[in-house]
Amino acid sequence: MVLAVLTGWLDRRERQAIAYLMEENRVLRRQLRQRHLRFTDADRRRLAVRGHRLGRQVLHQIATIVTPDTILRWHRQLVLRKWTYPNKRSDRRGVLAEIRRLVVQMAEENPTWGYTRIQGALKNVGHRVGRSTIARILKAHGVSPVPARPTSWQTFLRAHWGAVAGADFFSTEVWTWRGLVTYYTVFVIDLASRRVQIVGSTPHPTDLFMRQIRRALTASDDGLLRDHRVLICDRDRKWSWDVRRELWMPACTSC
């Protein structure tokens, strides 16, 4: 008996809550008047799922923001979307375009890579492509095979970025008790990180000073070029033949 009374009371409270929400929706609808409501896909999905369970007859009694026909149409579209499979052919075209782009990019950025090396690099990113396919792609884009493929200065730098450093001088005018004196400062820049380090400064950049610079650059323990294989410098006479020859020695880390 108590259970029946409690069940009836809960059912009555639920109907009262639904009636209140329906009236609240009507008031909000009148406030909006003719304004167009914007629904997200998530909104349409939730309304379609719950509205389909209620059926058209109940929706006619409670639906206020959209018509029952609209809710049921959303549900039909939801079912249709579930059984609509993606166009694999269009996806395949996108994959082929991506493979062509990667093949050309790898060949241009790595002029020493042949078909087998490019094939391995593509496999590392999830694409299995034959050597003949790679050859056809490169030929279609005007990229020559490895022996005939030109290497630009930009391509060389990009391929060896982490092993290249540059060295140069800048001058500073300093007032001393003897008057205005020009100081020459040697600096080194790591191309990969753009980090600049001052190596030395002197008003007299003699061969002795340059040999000291060479030792600071190529010291095996803390030399500034210990992790580099290429040093770029201009044709300034301060980089004398003797200094260049010492930089080219096998014991040095730069060449």
C-alpha atoms as a PDB file:
ATOM      1  CA  MET A   1       0.000   0.000   0.000  1.00  0.00           C
ATOM      2  CA  VAL A   2       2.755   2.424   0.990  1.00  0.00           C
ATOM      3  CA  LEU A   3       4.701   1.490  -2.154  1.00  0.00           C
ATOM      4  CA  ALA A   4       1.695   2.165  -4.386  1.00  0.00           C
ATOM      5  CA  VAL A   5       1.097   5.574  -2.755  1.00  0.00           C
ATOM      6  CA  LEU A   6       4.801   6.478  -3.127  1.00  0.00           C
ATOM      7  CA  THR A   7       4.833   5.393  -6.777  1.00  0.00           C
ATOM      8  CA  GLY A   8       1.739   7.442  -7.538  1.00  0.00           C
ATOM      9  CA  TRP A   9       3.216  10.491  -5.794  1.00  0.00           C
ATOM     10  CA  LEU A  10       6.487  10.202  -7.774  1.00  0.00           C
ATOM     11  CA  ASP A  11       4.570   9.795 -11.040  1.00  0.00           C
ATOM     12  CA  ARG A  12       2.471  12.863 -10.255  1.00  0.00           C
ATOM     13  CA  ARG A  13       5.570  14.920  -9.418  1.00  0.00           C
ATOM     14  CA  GLU A  14       7.199  13.807 -12.661  1.00  0.00           C
ATOM     15  CA  ARG A  15       4.150  14.847 -14.716  1.00  0.00           C
ATOM     16  CA  GLN A  16       4.084  18.195 -12.927  1.00  0.00           C
ATOM     17  CA  ALA A  17       7.803  18.723 -13.680  1.00  0.00           C
ATOM     18  CA  ILE A  18       7.252  17.878 -17.354  1.00  0.00           C
ATOM     19  CA  ALA A  19       4.279  20.221 -17.532  1.00  0.00           C
ATOM     20  CA  TYR A  20       6.333  23.022 -15.975  1.00  0.00           C
ATOM     21  CA  LEU A  21       9.203  22.489 -18.451  1.00  0.00           C
ATOM     22  CA  MET A  22       6.770  22.483 -21.366  1.00  0.00           C
ATOM     23  CA  GLU A  23       5.255  25.779 -20.200  1.00  0.00           C
ATOM     24  CA  GLU A  24       8.715  27.240 -19.623  1.00  0.00           C
ATOM     25  CA  ASN A  25       9.686  26.301 -23.199  1.00  0.00           C
ATOM     26  CA  ARG A  26       6.552  28.025 -24.534  1.00  0.00           C
ATOM     27  CA  VAL A  27       7.398  31.204 -22.599  1.00  0.00           C
ATOM     28  CA  LEU A  28      10.973  31.150 -23.925  1.00  0.00           C
ATOM     29  CA  ARG A  29       9.666  30.551 -27.437  1.00  0.00           C
ATOM     30  CA  ARG A  30       7.403  33.595 -27.184  1.00  0.00           C
ATOM     31  CA  GLN A  31      10.334  35.655 -25.892  1.00  0.00           C
ATOM     32  CA  LEU A  32      12.411  34.624 -28.908  1.00  0.00           C
ATOM     33  CA  ARG A  33       9.482  35.337 -31.259  1.00  0.00           C
ATOM     34  CA  GLN A  34      10.704  34.842 -34.823  1.00  0.00           C
ATOM     35  CA  ARG A  35      14.385  34.521 -34.048  1.00  0.00           C
ATOM     36  CA  HIS A  36      16.088  31.600 -35.762  1.00  0.00           C
ATOM     37  CA  LEU A  37      17.462  29.059 -33.316  1.00  0.00           C
ATOM     38  CA  ARG A  38      20.883  27.605 -34.066  1.00  0.00           C
ATOM     39  CA  PHE A  39      21.488  23.953 -33.219  1.00  0.00           C
ATOM     40  CA  THR A  40      24.809  22.170 -33.155  1.00  0.00           C
ATOM     41  CA  ASP A  41      25.175  18.630 -34.458  1.00  0.00           C
ATOM     42  CA  ALA A  42      25.322  17.431 -30.848  1.00  0.00           C
ATOM     43  CA  ASP A  43      22.034  19.246 -30.089  1.00  0.00           C
ATOM     44  CA  ARG A  44      20.307  17.637 -33.087  1.00  0.00           C
ATOM     45  CA  ARG A  45      21.620  14.190 -32.145  1.00  0.00           C
ATOM     46  CA  ARG A  46      20.363  14.391 -28.552  1.00  0.00           C
ATOM     47  CA  LEU A  47      16.937  15.685 -29.563  1.00  0.00           C
ATOM     48  CA  ALA A  48      16.644  13.084 -32.331  1.00  0.00           C
ATOM     49  CA  VAL A  49      17.480  10.153 -30.031  1.00  0.00           C
ATOM     50  CA  ARG A  50      15.068  11.198 -27.270  1.00  0.00           C
ATOM     51  CA  GLY A  51      12.337  12.366 -29.659  1.00  0.00           C
ATOM     52  CA  HIS A  52      12.322   9.101 -31.598  1.00  0.00           C
ATOM     53  CA  ARG A  53      11.718   7.186 -28.366  1.00  0.00           C
ATOM     54  CA  LEU A  54       8.667   9.345 -27.580  1.00  0.00           C
ATOM     55  CA  GLY A  55       7.052   9.036 -31.014  1.00  0.00           C
ATOM     56  CA  ARG A  56       5.215  11.537 -33.176  1.00  0.00           C
ATOM     57  CA  GLN A  57       2.022  11.635 -31.082  1.00  0.00           C
ATOM     58  CA  VAL A  58       3.776  12.575 -27.836  1.00  0.00           C
ATOM     59  CA  LEU A  59       6.067  15.019 -29.649  1.00  0.00           C
ATOM     60  CA  HIS A  60       3.011  16.889 -30.932  1.00  0.00           C
ATOM     61  CA  GLN A  61       2.040  17.480 -27.282  1.00  0.00           C
ATOM     62  CA  ILE A  62       5.410  18.526 -25.847  1.00  0.00           C
ATOM     63  CA  ALA A  63       7.739  19.731 -28.653  1.00  0.00           C
ATOM     64  CA  THR A  64       7.955  23.519 -28.708  1.00  0.00           C
ATOM     65  CA  ILE A  65      11.238  24.623 -30.298  1.00  0.00           C
ATOM     66  CA  VAL A  66      11.053  22.422 -33.439  1.00  0.00           C
ATOM     67  CA  THR A  67       8.283  20.416 -35.056  1.00  0.00           C
ATOM     68  CA  PRO A  68       7.950  16.637 -34.580  1.00  0.00           C
ATOM     69  CA  ASP A  69       8.638  16.165 -38.307  1.00  0.00           C
ATOM     70  CA  THR A  70      11.979  17.949 -37.931  1.00  0.00           C
ATOM     71  CA  ILE A  71      13.006  15.825 -34.947  1.00  0.00           C
ATOM     72  CA  LEU A  72      12.117  12.590 -36.729  1.00  0.00           C
ATOM     73  CA  ARG A  73      13.924  13.768 -39.883  1.00  0.00           C
ATOM     74  CA  TRP A  74      17.043  14.366 -37.777  1.00  0.00           C
ATOM     75  CA  HIS A  75      16.735  10.803 -36.508  1.00  0.00           C
ATOM     76  CA  ARG A  76      16.504   9.404 -40.065  1.00  0.00           C
ATOM     77  CA  GLN A  77      19.617  11.353 -41.019  1.00  0.00           C
ATOM     78  CA  LEU A  78      21.379  10.014 -37.939  1.00  0.00           C
ATOM     79  CA  VAL A  79      20.588   6.425 -38.960  1.00  0.00           C
ATOM     80  CA  LEU A  80      21.621   7.118 -42.546  1.00  0.00           C
ATOM     81  CA  ARG A  81      24.953   8.557 -41.416  1.00  0.00           C
ATOM     82  CA  LYS A  82      25.673   5.389 -39.444  1.00  0.00           C
ATOM     83  CA  TRP A  83      25.338   3.211 -42.550  1.00  0.00           C
ATOM     84  CA  THR A  84      27.086   5.570 -44.943  1.00  0.00           C
ATOM     85  CA  TYR A  85      30.631   4.349 -45.495  1.00  0.00           C
ATOM     86  CA  PRO A  86      33.448   6.741 -46.381  1.00  0.00           C
ATOM     87  CA  ASN A  87      34.596   7.009 -49.968  1.00  0.00           C
ATOM     88  CA  LYS A  88      37.764   4.952 -49.925  1.00  0.00           C
ATOM     89  CA  ARG A  89      38.672   6.058 -53.419  1.00  0.00           C
ATOM     90  CA  SER A  90      38.858   9.732 -52.399  1.00  0.00           C
ATOM     91  CA  ASP A  91      40.887   8.771 -49.320  1.00  0.00           C
ATOM     92  CA  ARG A  92      43.242   6.845 -51.591  1.00  0.00           C
ATOM     93  CA  ARG A  93      43.698   9.897 -53.793  1.00  0.00           C
ATOM     94  CA  GLY A  94      44.698  11.913 -50.744  1.00  0.00           C
ATOM     95  CA  VAL A  95      47.251   9.278 -49.722  1.00  0.00           C
ATOM     96  CA  LEU A  96      48.754   9.209 -53.224  1.00  0.00           C
ATOM     97  CA  ALA A  97      49.061  12.988 -53.257  1.00  0.00           C
ATOM     98  CA  GLU A  98      50.813  12.877 -49.876  1.00  0.00           C
ATOM     99  CA  ILE A  99      53.221  10.177 -51.116  1.00  0.00           C
ATOM    100  CA  ARG A 100      54.081  12.216 -54.213  1.00  0.00           C
ATOM    101  CA  ARG A 101      54.734  15.280 -52.088  1.00  0.00           C
ATOM    102  CA  LEU A 102      56.980  13.352 -49.693  1.00  0.00           C
ATOM    103  CA  VAL A 103      58.963  11.715 -52.509  1.00  0.00           C
ATOM    104  CA  VAL A 104      59.726  15.044 -54.182  1.00  0.00           C
ATOM    105  CA  GLN A 105      60.500  16.763 -50.865  1.00  0.00           C
ATOM    106  CA  MET A 106      62.885  14.005 -49.763  1.00  0.00           C
ATOM    107  CA  ALA A 107      64.699  14.015 -53.106  1.00  0.00           C
ATOM    108  CA  GLU A 108      65.102  17.795 -53.165  1.00  0.00           C
ATOM    109  CA  GLU A 109      66.213  18.121 -49.545  1.00  0.00           C
ATOM    110  CA  ASN A 110      68.556  15.108 -49.719  1.00  0.00           C
ATOM    111  CA  PRO A 111      70.268  15.126 -53.122  1.00  0.00           C
ATOM    112  CA  THR A 112      72.387  12.051 -52.261  1.00  0.00           C
ATOM    113  CA  TRP A 113      69.350   9.850 -51.564  1.00  0.00           C
ATOM    114  CA  GLY A 114      68.568   7.249 -54.210  1.00  0.00           C
ATOM    115  CA  TYR A 115      65.330   5.369 -54.796  1.00  0.00           C
ATOM    116  CA  THR A 116      66.101   2.747 -52.125  1.00  0.00           C
ATOM    117  CA  ARG A 117      66.912   5.360 -49.472  1.00  0.00           C
ATOM    118  CA  ILE A 118      63.702   7.273 -50.227  1.00  0.00           C
ATOM    119  CA  GLN A 119      61.777   3.992 -50.159  1.00  0.00           C
ATOM    120  CA  GLY A 120      63.098   3.267 -46.654  1.00  0.00           C
ATOM    121  CA  ALA A 121      62.255   6.764 -45.427  1.00  0.00           C
ATOM    122  CA  LEU A 122      58.696   6.409 -46.727  1.00  0.00           C
ATOM    123  CA  LYS A 123      58.367   3.064 -44.984  1.00  0.00           C
ATOM    124  CA  ASN A 124      59.363   4.737 -41.709  1.00  0.00           C
ATOM    125  CA  VAL A 125      56.332   7.027 -41.981  1.00  0.00           C
ATOM    126  CA  GLY A 126      53.937   4.218 -42.928  1.00  0.00           C
ATOM    127  CA  HIS A 127      53.992   4.232 -46.757  1.00  0.00           C
ATOM    128  CA  ARG A 128      55.094   1.172 -48.731  1.00  0.00           C
ATOM    129  CA  VAL A 129      56.104   2.312 -52.205  1.00  0.00           C
ATOM    130  CA  GLY A 130      58.100   0.499 -54.894  1.00  0.00           C
ATOM    131  CA  ARG A 131      61.333   1.871 -56.346  1.00  0.00           C
ATOM    132  CA  SER A 132      59.794   2.060 -59.815  1.00  0.00           C
ATOM    133  CA  THR A 133      56.926   4.172 -58.462  1.00  0.00           C
ATOM    134  CA  ILE A 134      59.407   6.547 -56.814  1.00  0.00           C
ATOM    135  CA  ALA A 135      61.341   6.776 -60.090  1.00  0.00           C
ATOM    136  CA  ARG A 136      58.151   7.645 -62.020  1.00  0.00           C
ATOM    137  CA  ILE A 137      57.149  10.319 -59.498  1.00  0.00           C
ATOM    138  CA  LEU A 138      60.564  11.996 -59.628  1.00  0.00           C
ATOM    139  CA  LYS A 139      60.665  11.847 -63.421  1.00  0.00           C
ATOM    140  CA  ALA A 140      57.218  13.412 -63.643  1.00  0.00           C
ATOM    141  CA  HIS A 141      58.383  16.293 -61.417  1.00  0.00           C
ATOM    142  CA  GLY A 142      61.618  16.798 -63.346  1.00  0.00           C
ATOM    143  CA  VAL A 143      63.909  15.514 -60.582  1.00  0.00           C
ATOM    144  CA  SER A 144      66.966  13.728 -61.962  1.00  0.00           C
ATOM    145  CA  PRO A 145      68.470  10.499 -60.552  1.00  0.00           C
ATOM    146  CA  VAL A 146      71.153  10.829 -57.869  1.00  0.00           C
ATOM    147  CA  PRO A 147      74.295  11.061 -60.079  1.00  0.00           C
ATOM    148  CA  ALA A 148      72.779  13.857 -62.177  1.00  0.00           C
ATOM    149  CA  ARG A 149      70.895  15.644 -59.407  1.00  0.00           C
ATOM    150  CA  PRO A 150      72.421  19.105 -58.713  1.00  0.00           C
ATOM    151  CA  THR A 151      73.168  20.137 -55.152  1.00  0.00           C
ATOM    152  CA  SER A 152      72.489  23.776 -54.357  1.00  0.00           C
ATOM    153  CA  TRP A 153      74.274  25.656 -51.606  1.00  0.00           C
ATOM    154  CA  GLN A 154      70.998  25.944 -49.704  1.00  0.00           C
ATOM    155  CA  THR A 155      70.408  22.202 -50.000  1.00  0.00           C
ATOM    156  CA  PHE A 156      73.930  21.469 -48.774  1.00  0.00           C
ATOM    157  CA  LEU A 157      73.501  23.702 -45.715  1.00  0.00           C
ATOM    158  CA  ARG A 158      70.113  22.195 -44.902  1.00  0.00           C
ATOM    159  CA  ALA A 159      71.510  18.662 -45.154  1.00  0.00           C
ATOM    160  CA  HIS A 160      74.511  19.415 -42.887  1.00  0.00           C
ATOM    161  CA  TRP A 161      72.950  22.104 -40.697  1.00  0.00           C
ATOM    162  CA  GLY A 162      74.066  20.646 -37.373  1.00  0.00           C
ATOM    163  CA  ALA A 163      77.706  20.245 -38.467  1.00  0.00           C
ATOM    164  CA  VAL A 164      78.281  23.707 -39.951  1.00  0.00           C
ATOM    165  CA  ALA A 165      79.642  26.797 -38.178  1.00  0.00           C
ATOM    166  CA  GLY A 166      80.616  30.207 -39.482  1.00  0.00           C
ATOM    167  CA  ALA A 167      83.417  32.497 -38.322  1.00  0.00           C
ATOM    168  CA  ASP A 168      84.040  36.170 -39.032  1.00  0.00           C
ATOM    169  CA  PHE A 169      85.370  39.442 -37.609  1.00  0.00           C
ATOM    170  CA  PHE A 170      83.701  42.622 -36.503  1.00  0.00           C
ATOM    171  CA  SER A 171      85.550  45.802 -35.609  1.00  0.00           C
ATOM    172  CA  THR A 172      85.039  48.210 -32.732  1.00  0.00           C
ATOM    173  CA  GLU A 173      86.519  51.650 -32.323  1.00  0.00           C
ATOM    174  CA  VAL A 174      87.828  52.081 -28.770  1.00  0.00           C
ATOM    175  CA  TRP A 175      89.144  55.296 -27.213  1.00  0.00           C
ATOM    176  CA  THR A 176      92.405  54.794 -25.342  1.00  0.00           C
ATOM    177  CA  TRP A 177      95.031  57.064 -23.924  1.00  0.00           C
ATOM    178  CA  ARG A 178      96.765  56.769 -27.289  1.00  0.00           C
ATOM    179  CA  GLY A 179      93.657  57.838 -29.148  1.00  0.00           C
ATOM    180  CA  LEU A 180      91.110  55.887 -31.201  1.00  0.00           C
ATOM    181  CA  VAL A 181      92.138  52.242 -31.626  1.00  0.00           C
ATOM    182  CA  THR A 182      90.427  49.635 -33.804  1.00  0.00           C
ATOM    183  CA  TYR A 183      89.839  46.251 -32.134  1.00  0.00           C
ATOM    184  CA  TYR A 184      89.151  43.174 -34.249  1.00  0.00           C
ATOM    185  CA  THR A 185      86.905  40.568 -32.610  1.00  0.00           C
ATOM    186  CA  VAL A 186      86.532  36.990 -33.844  1.00  0.00           C
ATOM    187  CA  PHE A 187      83.143  35.328 -33.349  1.00  0.00           C
ATOM    188  CA  VAL A 188      81.703  31.914 -34.258  1.00  0.00           C
ATOM    189  CA  ILE A 189      78.045  31.183 -34.985  1.00  0.00           C
ATOM    190  CA  ASP A 190      76.440  27.745 -34.867  1.00  0.00           C
ATOM    191  CA  LEU A 191      74.063  27.702 -37.840  1.00  0.00           C
ATOM    192  CA  ALA A 192      71.638  25.214 -36.314  1.00  0.00           C
ATOM    193  CA  SER A 193      71.060  27.036 -33.018  1.00  0.00           C
ATOM    194  CA  ARG A 194      72.104  30.573 -34.114  1.00  0.00           C
ATOM    195  CA  ARG A 195      74.227  30.734 -30.956  1.00  0.00           C
ATOM    196  CA  VAL A 196      77.119  33.208 -31.230  1.00  0.00           C
ATOM    197  CA  GLN A 197      80.304  32.953 -29.183  1.00  0.00           C
ATOM    198  CA  ILE A 198      83.148  35.453 -28.950  1.00  0.00           C
ATOM    199  CA  VAL A 199      86.534  33.781 -29.460  1.00  0.00           C
ATOM    200  CA  GLY A 200      88.997  36.645 -29.026  1.00  0.00           C
ATOM    201  CA  SER A 201      89.664  40.329 -29.633  1.00  0.00           C
ATOM    202  CA  THR A 202      92.848  42.271 -30.417  1.00  0.00           C
ATOM    203  CA  PRO A 203      94.015  45.475 -32.097  1.00  0.00           C
ATOM    204  CA  HIS A 204      96.691  43.443 -33.886  1.00  0.00           C
ATOM    205  CA  PRO A 205      95.303  40.321 -35.639  1.00  0.00           C
ATOM    206  CA  THR A 206      98.690  38.811 -36.388  1.00  0.00           C
ATOM    207  CA  ASP A 207      99.457  35.210 -37.320  1.00  0.00           C
ATOM    208  CA  LEU A 208     100.240  34.494 -33.662  1.00  0.00           C
ATOM    209  CA  PHE A 209      96.807  35.755 -32.612  1.00  0.00           C
ATOM    210  CA  MET A 210      95.138  33.716 -35.355  1.00  0.00           C
ATOM    211  CA  ARG A 211      96.945  30.553 -34.258  1.00  0.00           C
ATOM    212  CA  GLN A 212      95.592  31.125 -30.743  1.00  0.00           C
ATOM    213  CA  ILE A 213      92.141  31.455 -32.287  1.00  0.00           C
ATOM    214  CA  ARG A 214      92.700  28.200 -34.151  1.00  0.00           C
ATOM    215  CA  ARG A 215      93.610  26.383 -30.936  1.00  0.00           C
ATOM    216  CA  ALA A 216      90.518  27.782 -29.201  1.00  0.00           C
ATOM    217  CA  LEU A 217      88.360  26.538 -32.061  1.00  0.00           C
ATOM    218  CA  THR A 218      89.820  23.053 -32.427  1.00  0.00           C
ATOM    219  CA  ALA A 219      90.772  22.027 -28.889  1.00  0.00           C
ATOM    220  CA  SER A 220      89.748  18.403 -28.450  1.00  0.00           C
ATOM    221  CA  ASP A 221      88.154  18.884 -25.018  1.00  0.00           C
ATOM    222  CA  ASP A 222      86.405  22.263 -25.114  1.00  0.00           C
ATOM    223  CA  GLY A 223      86.982  23.617 -28.620  1.00  0.00           C
ATOM    224  CA  LEU A 224      84.115  25.619 -30.070  1.00  0.00           C
ATOM    225  CA  LEU A 225      84.179  23.450 -33.218  1.00  0.00           C
ATOM    226  CA  ARG A 226      84.421  20.058 -31.536  1.00  0.00           C
ATOM    227  CA  ASP A 227      80.923  19.081 -32.740  1.00  0.00           C
ATOM    228  CA  HIS A 228      81.304  20.591 -36.212  1.00  0.00           C
ATOM    229  CA  ARG A 229      82.826  19.329 -39.440  1.00  0.00           C
ATOM    230  CA  VAL A 230      82.541  22.438 -41.616  1.00  0.00           C
ATOM    231  CA  LEU A 231      83.756  25.985 -40.870  1.00  0.00           C
ATOM    232  CA  ILE A 232      82.687  28.787 -43.203  1.00  0.00           C
ATOM    233  CA  CYS A 233      84.836  31.925 -43.338  1.00  0.00           C
ATOM    234  CA  ASP A 234      85.462  34.622 -45.937  1.00  0.00           C
ATOM    235  CA  ARG A 235      88.639  35.418 -47.863  1.00  0.00           C
ATOM    236  CA  ASP A 236      89.923  37.928 -45.355  1.00  0.00           C
ATOM    237  CA  ARG A 237      93.734  37.904 -45.331  1.00  0.00           C
ATOM    238  CA  LYS A 238      93.669  37.385 -41.586  1.00  0.00           C
ATOM    239  CA  TRP A 239      92.640  33.813 -42.401  1.00  0.00           C
ATOM    240  CA  SER A 240      96.090  33.131 -43.775  1.00  0.00           C
ATOM    241  CA  TRP A 241      97.132  29.996 -45.638  1.00  0.00           C
ATOM    242  CA  ASP A 242      98.952  28.695 -42.572  1.00  0.00           C
ATOM    243  CA  VAL A 243      95.843  29.124 -40.392  1.00  0.00           C
ATOM    244  CA  ARG A 244      93.644  27.430 -42.997  1.00  0.00           C
ATOM    245  CA  ARG A 245      96.091  24.550 -43.349  1.00  0.00           C
ATOM    246  CA  GLU A 246      96.072  23.992 -39.581  1.00  0.00           C
ATOM    247  CA  LEU A 247      92.269  23.979 -39.607  1.00  0.00           C
ATOM    248  CA  TRP A 248      92.356  21.327 -42.339  1.00  0.00           C
ATOM    249  CA  MET A 249      94.692  19.046 -40.361  1.00  0.00           C
ATOM    250  CA  PRO A 250      93.129  15.613 -39.574  1.00  0.00           C
ATOM    251  CA  ALA A 251      93.627  16.217 -35.860  1.00  0.00           C
ATOM    252  CA  CYS A 252      91.159  19.105 -36.005  1.00  0.00           C
ATOM    253  CA  THR A 253      87.422  18.620 -35.781  1.00  0.00           C
ATOM    254  CA  SER A 254      86.715  21.164 -38.527  1.00  0.00           C
ATOM    255  CA  CYS A 255      87.678  21.028 -42.170  1.00  0.00           C
END
